[in-house]
Every structure is written in C-alpha cells, then in structure tokens.
PDB file of N, CA and C in Angstrom:
ATOM      1  N   MET A   1     111.353 -34.700 -44.084  1.00  0.00           N
ATOM      2  CA  MET A   1     110.435 -35.858 -44.343  1.00  0.00           C
ATOM      3  C   MET A   1     109.211 -35.655 -44.017  1.00  0.00           C
ATOM      4  N   THR A   2     108.885 -34.965 -43.063  1.00  0.00           N
ATOM      5  CA  THR A   2     107.483 -34.861 -42.541  1.00  0.00           C
ATOM      6  C   THR A   2     106.756 -33.932 -43.557  1.00  0.00           C
ATOM      7  N   LYS A   3     107.157 -33.246 -44.391  1.00  0.00           N
ATOM      8  CA  LYS A   3     106.423 -32.577 -45.415  1.00  0.00           C
ATOM      9  C   LYS A   3     106.162 -33.392 -46.396  1.00  0.00           C
ATOM     10  N   CYS A   4     106.792 -34.634 -46.659  1.00  0.00           N
ATOM     11  CA  CYS A   4     106.425 -35.406 -47.535  1.00  0.00           C
ATOM     12  C   CYS A   4     105.153 -36.643 -47.089  1.00  0.00           C
ATOM     13  N   LEU A   5     105.065 -36.755 -45.904  1.00  0.00           N
ATOM     14  CA  LEU A   5     104.038 -37.539 -45.507  1.00  0.00           C
ATOM     15  C   LEU A   5     102.504 -36.918 -45.918  1.00  0.00           C
ATOM     16  N   ILE A   6     101.842 -37.637 -46.388  1.00  0.00           N
ATOM     17  CA  ILE A   6     100.503 -37.330 -46.840  1.00  0.00           C
ATOM     18  C   ILE A   6      99.484 -38.236 -45.939  1.00  0.00           C
ATOM     19  N   GLU A   7      98.056 -37.467 -45.811  1.00  0.00           N
ATOM     20  CA  GLU A   7      96.966 -38.145 -45.435  1.00  0.00           C
ATOM     21  C   GLU A   7      96.850 -39.345 -46.361  1.00  0.00           C
ATOM     22  N   PRO A   8      96.879 -40.528 -45.781  1.00  0.00           N
ATOM     23  CA  PRO A   8      96.683 -41.667 -46.672  1.00  0.00           C
ATOM     24  C   PRO A   8      95.454 -41.666 -47.649  1.00  0.00           C
ATOM     25  N   ILE A   9      95.749 -42.027 -48.846  1.00  0.00           N
ATOM     26  CA  ILE A   9      94.811 -42.110 -49.951  1.00  0.00           C
ATOM     27  C   ILE A   9      94.934 -43.384 -50.677  1.00  0.00           C
ATOM     28  N   LYS A  10      93.745 -43.905 -50.870  1.00  0.00           N
ATOM     29  CA  LYS A  10      93.624 -45.159 -51.736  1.00  0.00           C
ATOM     30  C   LYS A  10      93.551 -44.963 -53.014  1.00  0.00           C
ATOM     31  N   GLN A  11      94.729 -45.505 -53.863  1.00  0.00           N
ATOM     32  CA  GLN A  11      94.833 -45.110 -55.404  1.00  0.00           C
ATOM     33  C   GLN A  11      95.065 -46.602 -56.023  1.00  0.00           C
ATOM     34  N   LYS A  12      94.830 -46.373 -57.412  1.00  0.00           N
ATOM     35  CA  LYS A  12      95.034 -47.532 -58.122  1.00  0.00           C
ATOM     36  C   LYS A  12      96.574 -47.651 -58.687  1.00  0.00           C
ATOM     37  N   TYR A  13      97.133 -48.696 -58.324  1.00  0.00           N
ATOM     38  CA  TYR A  13      98.491 -49.004 -58.941  1.00  0.00           C
ATOM     39  C   TYR A  13      98.755 -50.141 -59.880  1.00  0.00           C
ATOM     40  N   ARG A  14      99.437 -50.263 -60.978  1.00  0.00           N
ATOM     41  CA  ARG A  14      99.690 -51.168 -61.792  1.00  0.00           C
ATOM     42  C   ARG A  14     101.049 -51.969 -61.451  1.00  0.00           C
ATOM     43  N   CYS A  15     101.182 -53.233 -61.582  1.00  0.00           N
ATOM     44  CA  CYS A  15     102.492 -54.017 -61.344  1.00  0.00           C
ATOM     45  C   CYS A  15     103.302 -53.753 -62.492  1.00  0.00           C
ATOM     46  N   ALA A  16     104.632 -53.312 -62.094  1.00  0.00           N
ATOM     47  CA  ALA A  16     105.771 -53.100 -62.954  1.00  0.00           C
ATOM     48  C   ALA A  16     106.123 -54.620 -64.090  1.00  0.00           C
ATOM     49  N   ASN A  17     105.846 -55.502 -63.567  1.00  0.00           N
ATOM     50  CA  ASN A  17     105.971 -56.935 -64.230  1.00  0.00           C
ATOM     51  C   ASN A  17     105.160 -57.214 -64.975  1.00  0.00           C
ATOM     52  N   ASP A  18     103.652 -56.693 -64.700  1.00  0.00           N
ATOM     53  CA  ASP A  18     102.441 -57.257 -65.499  1.00  0.00           C
ATOM     54  C   ASP A  18     101.574 -56.007 -65.397  1.00  0.00           C
ATOM     55  N   PHE A  19     101.540 -55.206 -66.482  1.00  0.00           N
ATOM     56  CA  PHE A  19     100.785 -53.925 -66.700  1.00  0.00           C
ATOM     57  C   PHE A  19      99.501 -54.216 -66.450  1.00  0.00           C
ATOM     58  N   ASN A  20      98.719 -55.242 -66.736  1.00  0.00           N
ATOM     59  CA  ASN A  20      97.424 -55.797 -66.815  1.00  0.00           C
ATOM     60  C   ASN A  20      97.027 -55.970 -65.286  1.00  0.00           C
ATOM     61  N   ASP A  21      97.737 -56.297 -64.408  1.00  0.00           N
ATOM     62  CA  ASP A  21      97.618 -56.255 -62.933  1.00  0.00           C
ATOM     63  C   ASP A  21      97.314 -55.005 -62.364  1.00  0.00           C
ATOM     64  N   LEU A  22      96.090 -54.654 -61.874  1.00  0.00           N
ATOM     65  CA  LEU A  22      95.678 -53.283 -61.406  1.00  0.00           C
ATOM     66  C   LEU A  22      94.795 -53.517 -60.087  1.00  0.00           C
ATOM     67  N   TYR A  23      95.560 -52.991 -59.247  1.00  0.00           N
ATOM     68  CA  TYR A  23      95.012 -53.221 -57.713  1.00  0.00           C
ATOM     69  C   TYR A  23      95.278 -51.866 -56.790  1.00  0.00           C
ATOM     70  N   GLU A  24      94.438 -51.614 -55.560  1.00  0.00           N
ATOM     71  CA  GLU A  24      94.283 -50.521 -55.105  1.00  0.00           C
ATOM     72  C   GLU A  24      95.251 -50.545 -53.665  1.00  0.00           C
ATOM     73  N   LEU A  25      96.030 -49.655 -53.371  1.00  0.00           N
ATOM     74  CA  LEU A  25      96.932 -49.583 -52.313  1.00  0.00           C
ATOM     75  C   LEU A  25      97.037 -48.147 -51.703  1.00  0.00           C
ATOM     76  N   TRP A  26      97.434 -47.972 -50.414  1.00  0.00           N
ATOM     77  CA  TRP A  26      97.213 -46.688 -49.645  1.00  0.00           C
ATOM     78  C   TRP A  26      98.642 -45.931 -49.948  1.00  0.00           C
ATOM     79  N   THR A  27      98.293 -44.726 -50.816  1.00  0.00           N
ATOM     80  CA  THR A  27      99.838 -43.891 -50.813  1.00  0.00           C
ATOM     81  C   THR A  27      99.939 -43.191 -49.362  1.00  0.00           C
ATOM     82  N   VAL A  28     101.017 -43.249 -48.936  1.00  0.00           N
ATOM     83  CA  VAL A  28     101.312 -42.525 -47.673  1.00  0.00           C
ATOM     84  C   VAL A  28     102.244 -41.447 -47.498  1.00  0.00           C
ATOM     85  N   LEU A  29     103.375 -41.450 -48.799  1.00  0.00           N
ATOM     86  CA  LEU A  29     104.444 -40.662 -48.648  1.00  0.00           C
ATOM     87  C   LEU A  29     104.594 -40.486 -50.348  1.00  0.00           C
ATOM     88  N   GLU A  30     104.671 -38.881 -50.430  1.00  0.00           N
ATOM     89  CA  GLU A  30     105.216 -38.413 -51.910  1.00  0.00           C
ATOM     90  C   GLU A  30     106.415 -37.947 -51.862  1.00  0.00           C
ATOM     91  N   GLU A  31     107.560 -38.125 -52.514  1.00  0.00           N
ATOM     92  CA  GLU A  31     108.847 -37.683 -52.121  1.00  0.00           C
ATOM     93  C   GLU A  31     108.782 -36.076 -52.733  1.00  0.00           C
ATOM     94  N   THR A  32     107.963 -35.902 -53.674  1.00  0.00           N
ATOM     95  CA  THR A  32     107.764 -34.431 -54.121  1.00  0.00           C
ATOM     96  C   THR A  32     106.411 -34.181 -54.477  1.00  0.00           C
ATOM     97  N   ARG A  33     105.843 -32.868 -54.567  1.00  0.00           N
ATOM     98  CA  ARG A  33     104.362 -32.703 -54.931  1.00  0.00           C
ATOM     99  C   ARG A  33     104.169 -32.856 -56.242  1.00  0.00           C
ATOM    100  N   TYR A  34     105.556 -33.002 -57.212  1.00  0.00           N
ATOM    101  CA  TYR A  34     105.413 -33.104 -58.671  1.00  0.00           C
ATOM    102  C   TYR A  34     105.363 -34.539 -58.583  1.00  0.00           C
ATOM    103  N   ALA A  35     105.126 -35.077 -59.960  1.00  0.00           N
ATOM    104  CA  ALA A  35     104.785 -36.443 -60.273  1.00  0.00           C
ATOM    105  C   ALA A  35     106.246 -37.284 -60.440  1.00  0.00           C
ATOM    106  N   ASP A  36     107.323 -36.394 -60.421  1.00  0.00           N
ATOM    107  CA  ASP A  36     108.464 -37.234 -60.890  1.00  0.00           C
ATOM    108  C   ASP A  36     109.332 -37.980 -59.832  1.00  0.00           C
ATOM    109  N   GLY A  37     108.833 -37.901 -58.409  1.00  0.00           N
ATOM    110  CA  GLY A  37     109.302 -38.387 -57.292  1.00  0.00           C
ATOM    111  C   GLY A  37     108.681 -39.814 -56.935  1.00  0.00           C
ATOM    112  N   TYR A  38     109.451 -40.514 -56.139  1.00  0.00           N
ATOM    113  CA  TYR A  38     108.991 -42.003 -55.377  1.00  0.00           C
ATOM    114  C   TYR A  38     107.694 -41.563 -54.507  1.00  0.00           C
ATOM    115  N   ARG A  39     107.013 -42.737 -54.438  1.00  0.00           N
ATOM    116  CA  ARG A  39     105.777 -42.756 -53.507  1.00  0.00           C
ATOM    117  C   ARG A  39     105.923 -44.018 -52.649  1.00  0.00           C
ATOM    118  N   ILE A  40     105.636 -43.848 -51.348  1.00  0.00           N
ATOM    119  CA  ILE A  40     105.864 -45.151 -50.580  1.00  0.00           C
ATOM    120  C   ILE A  40     104.087 -45.422 -50.267  1.00  0.00           C
ATOM    121  N   TYR A  41     103.982 -46.580 -50.516  1.00  0.00           N
ATOM    122  CA  TYR A  41     102.361 -46.966 -50.369  1.00  0.00           C
ATOM    123  C   TYR A  41     102.395 -48.151 -49.424  1.00  0.00           C
ATOM    124  N   TYR A  42     101.089 -48.463 -48.775  1.00  0.00           N
ATOM    125  CA  TYR A  42     101.028 -49.728 -47.781  1.00  0.00           C
ATOM    126  C   TYR A  42      99.685 -50.385 -48.413  1.00  0.00           C
ATOM    127  N   ASP A  43     100.113 -51.738 -48.381  1.00  0.00           N
ATOM    128  CA  ASP A  43      99.444 -52.809 -48.938  1.00  0.00           C
ATOM    129  C   ASP A  43      98.737 -53.474 -47.519  1.00  0.00           C
ATOM    130  N   GLU A  44      97.414 -53.261 -47.466  1.00  0.00           N
ATOM    131  CA  GLU A  44      96.792 -53.712 -46.254  1.00  0.00           C
ATOM    132  C   GLU A  44      96.536 -55.147 -46.379  1.00  0.00           C
ATOM    133  N   ASN A  45      96.518 -55.795 -47.751  1.00  0.00           N
ATOM    134  CA  ASN A  45      96.515 -57.382 -47.769  1.00  0.00           C
ATOM    135  C   ASN A  45      97.602 -58.006 -47.236  1.00  0.00           C
ATOM    136  N   THR A  46      98.914 -57.477 -47.796  1.00  0.00           N
ATOM    137  CA  THR A  46     100.173 -58.205 -47.402  1.00  0.00           C
ATOM    138  C   THR A  46     100.945 -57.282 -45.900  1.00  0.00           C
ATOM    139  N   GLU A  47     100.190 -56.147 -45.459  1.00  0.00           N
ATOM    140  CA  GLU A  47     100.670 -55.609 -44.380  1.00  0.00           C
ATOM    141  C   GLU A  47     101.965 -55.172 -44.590  1.00  0.00           C
ATOM    142  N   MET A  48     102.389 -54.816 -45.923  1.00  0.00           N
ATOM    143  CA  MET A  48     103.736 -54.350 -46.052  1.00  0.00           C
ATOM    144  C   MET A  48     103.593 -53.063 -46.832  1.00  0.00           C
ATOM    145  N   PHE A  49     104.776 -52.216 -46.753  1.00  0.00           N
ATOM    146  CA  PHE A  49     104.946 -50.978 -47.555  1.00  0.00           C
ATOM    147  C   PHE A  49     105.969 -51.273 -48.736  1.00  0.00           C
ATOM    148  N   GLY A  50     105.777 -50.470 -49.588  1.00  0.00           N
ATOM    149  CA  GLY A  50     106.598 -50.562 -50.896  1.00  0.00           C
ATOM    150  C   GLY A  50     106.792 -49.183 -51.411  1.00  0.00           C
ATOM    151  N   LEU A  51     107.507 -49.336 -52.683  1.00  0.00           N
ATOM    152  CA  LEU A  51     107.779 -48.140 -53.460  1.00  0.00           C
ATOM    153  C   LEU A  51     106.889 -47.879 -54.832  1.00  0.00           C
ATOM    154  N   ALA A  52     106.657 -46.877 -55.160  1.00  0.00           N
ATOM    155  CA  ALA A  52     106.181 -46.600 -56.563  1.00  0.00           C
ATOM    156  C   ALA A  52     106.617 -45.422 -57.218  1.00  0.00           C
ATOM    157  N   ILE A  53     106.399 -45.366 -58.501  1.00  0.00           N
ATOM    158  CA  ILE A  53     106.723 -44.210 -59.319  1.00  0.00           C
ATOM    159  C   ILE A  53     105.385 -43.847 -60.040  1.00  0.00           C
ATOM    160  N   GLN A  54     105.375 -42.785 -60.651  1.00  0.00           N
ATOM    161  CA  GLN A  54     104.254 -42.447 -61.617  1.00  0.00           C
ATOM    162  C   GLN A  54     104.961 -42.416 -62.929  1.00  0.00           C
ATOM    163  N   SER A  55     104.285 -42.931 -64.023  1.00  0.00           N
ATOM    164  CA  SER A  55     104.819 -43.125 -65.532  1.00  0.00           C
ATOM    165  C   SER A  55     104.123 -41.658 -66.052  1.00  0.00           C
ATOM    166  N   ASN A  56     104.915 -41.449 -67.209  1.00  0.00           N
ATOM    167  CA  ASN A  56     104.466 -40.216 -67.935  1.00  0.00           C
ATOM    168  C   ASN A  56     103.153 -39.936 -68.473  1.00  0.00           C
ATOM    169  N   LYS A  57     102.315 -41.199 -67.865  1.00  0.00           N
ATOM    170  CA  LYS A  57     100.897 -41.187 -68.470  1.00  0.00           C
ATOM    171  C   LYS A  57     100.149 -41.200 -67.234  1.00  0.00           C
ATOM    172  N   ASP A  58     100.673 -40.771 -66.375  1.00  0.00           N
ATOM    173  CA  ASP A  58      99.822 -40.456 -64.824  1.00  0.00           C
ATOM    174  C   ASP A  58      99.511 -41.824 -64.327  1.00  0.00           C
ATOM    175  N   VAL A  59     100.251 -43.038 -64.595  1.00  0.00           N
ATOM    176  CA  VAL A  59     100.061 -44.285 -63.919  1.00  0.00           C
ATOM    177  C   VAL A  59     100.818 -44.471 -62.924  1.00  0.00           C
ATOM    178  N   LEU A  60     100.232 -44.878 -61.680  1.00  0.00           N
ATOM    179  CA  LEU A  60     101.245 -45.337 -60.543  1.00  0.00           C
ATOM    180  C   LEU A  60     101.839 -46.731 -60.741  1.00  0.00           C
ATOM    181  N   ILE A  61     102.892 -46.971 -60.941  1.00  0.00           N
ATOM    182  CA  ILE A  61     103.470 -48.252 -61.080  1.00  0.00           C
ATOM    183  C   ILE A  61     104.275 -48.665 -59.596  1.00  0.00           C
ATOM    184  N   ASP A  62     103.806 -49.960 -59.202  1.00  0.00           N
ATOM    185  CA  ASP A  62     104.249 -50.364 -57.941  1.00  0.00           C
ATOM    186  C   ASP A  62     105.574 -51.096 -58.512  1.00  0.00           C
ATOM    187  N   ILE A  63     106.910 -50.741 -57.941  1.00  0.00           N
ATOM    188  CA  ILE A  63     108.040 -51.286 -58.327  1.00  0.00           C
ATOM    189  C   ILE A  63     108.701 -52.275 -57.185  1.00  0.00           C
ATOM    190  N   GLY A  64     107.826 -52.343 -56.258  1.00  0.00           N
ATOM    191  CA  GLY A  64     108.395 -53.452 -55.271  1.00  0.00           C
ATOM    192  C   GLY A  64     107.720 -53.189 -53.662  1.00  0.00           C
ATOM    193  N   SER A  65     107.833 -54.246 -53.012  1.00  0.00           N
ATOM    194  CA  SER A  65     107.466 -54.313 -51.691  1.00  0.00           C
ATOM    195  C   SER A  65     108.830 -54.204 -50.918  1.00  0.00           C
ATOM    196  N   TYR A  66     108.937 -53.545 -49.746  1.00  0.00           N
ATOM    197  CA  TYR A  66     110.098 -53.618 -48.967  1.00  0.00           C
ATOM    198  C   TYR A  66     109.712 -54.033 -47.415  1.00  0.00           C
ATOM    199  N   GLY A  67     108.695 -54.340 -47.105  1.00  0.00           N
ATOM    200  CA  GLY A  67     108.394 -54.647 -45.592  1.00  0.00           C
ATOM    201  C   GLY A  67     107.751 -53.695 -45.009  1.00  0.00           C
ATOM    202  N   THR A  68     108.785 -53.037 -44.191  1.00  0.00           N
ATOM    203  CA  THR A  68     108.593 -51.977 -43.069  1.00  0.00           C
ATOM    204  C   THR A  68     108.632 -50.609 -43.810  1.00  0.00           C
ATOM    205  N   PHE A  69     108.070 -49.409 -43.349  1.00  0.00           N
ATOM    206  CA  PHE A  69     107.743 -48.414 -43.684  1.00  0.00           C
ATOM    207  C   PHE A  69     109.638 -47.597 -43.875  1.00  0.00           C
ATOM    208  N   LEU A  70     110.169 -47.762 -42.922  1.00  0.00           N
ATOM    209  CA  LEU A  70     111.917 -47.717 -42.983  1.00  0.00           C
ATOM    210  C   LEU A  70     112.533 -48.292 -44.032  1.00  0.00           C
ATOM    211  N   LYS A  71     112.235 -49.617 -44.071  1.00  0.00           N
ATOM    212  CA  LYS A  71     113.071 -50.279 -45.514  1.00  0.00           C
ATOM    213  C   LYS A  71     112.540 -49.609 -46.627  1.00  0.00           C
ATOM    214  N   ALA A  72     111.271 -49.354 -47.001  1.00  0.00           N
ATOM    215  CA  ALA A  72     110.929 -48.528 -48.034  1.00  0.00           C
ATOM    216  C   ALA A  72     111.567 -47.259 -48.269  1.00  0.00           C
ATOM    217  N   LEU A  73     111.549 -46.397 -47.080  1.00  0.00           N
ATOM    218  CA  LEU A  73     112.124 -45.273 -47.046  1.00  0.00           C
ATOM    219  C   LEU A  73     113.623 -45.093 -47.546  1.00  0.00           C
ATOM    220  N   TYR A  74     114.320 -46.200 -46.787  1.00  0.00           N
ATOM    221  CA  TYR A  74     115.779 -46.055 -47.292  1.00  0.00           C
ATOM    222  C   TYR A  74     115.919 -46.623 -48.427  1.00  0.00           C
ATOM    223  N   SER A  75     115.219 -47.444 -49.141  1.00  0.00           N
ATOM    224  CA  SER A  75     115.300 -47.802 -50.498  1.00  0.00           C
ATOM    225  C   SER A  75     114.984 -46.887 -51.834  1.00  0.00           C
ATOM    226  N   MET A  76     114.752 -45.548 -51.200  1.00  0.00           N
ATOM    227  CA  MET A  76     114.468 -44.496 -52.268  1.00  0.00           C
ATOM    228  C   MET A  76     115.589 -43.898 -52.859  1.00  0.00           C
TER     229      MET A  76
END
C-alpha cells in the first residue's frame, strides 16, 4: 500500500451524479500508476476522504465520500 501513496496533488474532479459539477480535491493515493485503478482523495472543505475513478476520457470522477482514509481504503 505504501507504494500507492503519492505526494498530495490538487486535481479537478467531476461528480458522478452531476457531470456539470466540477471541483478541486486532493488526490492522496492511486491504486495503480495506470488510469484503471481507484484513487483516494481528500476534501478539505468537508474534511473527508473519498473514492474516485478515472473515465476513459481522462476525467476524474468522484464516486463517493467515506469519511476516514481507512474507510475509503477498505471500500476500494
């Protein structure tokens, strides 16, 4: 797991339920270095961690907040 942790980087995400909703979140973990894995992000506004995926058009899609980092990790 430690090789999946990355230096936090602020990236633009789209909401899975409303693709017009665009916001910035901190990406803190990438399941793989390829685009096909999950990502864990941190939302500094809500102080929660969540999961995201990358679409086939290189768009990061927020698929839900899980609260803590461990809850997001276990939900992968």
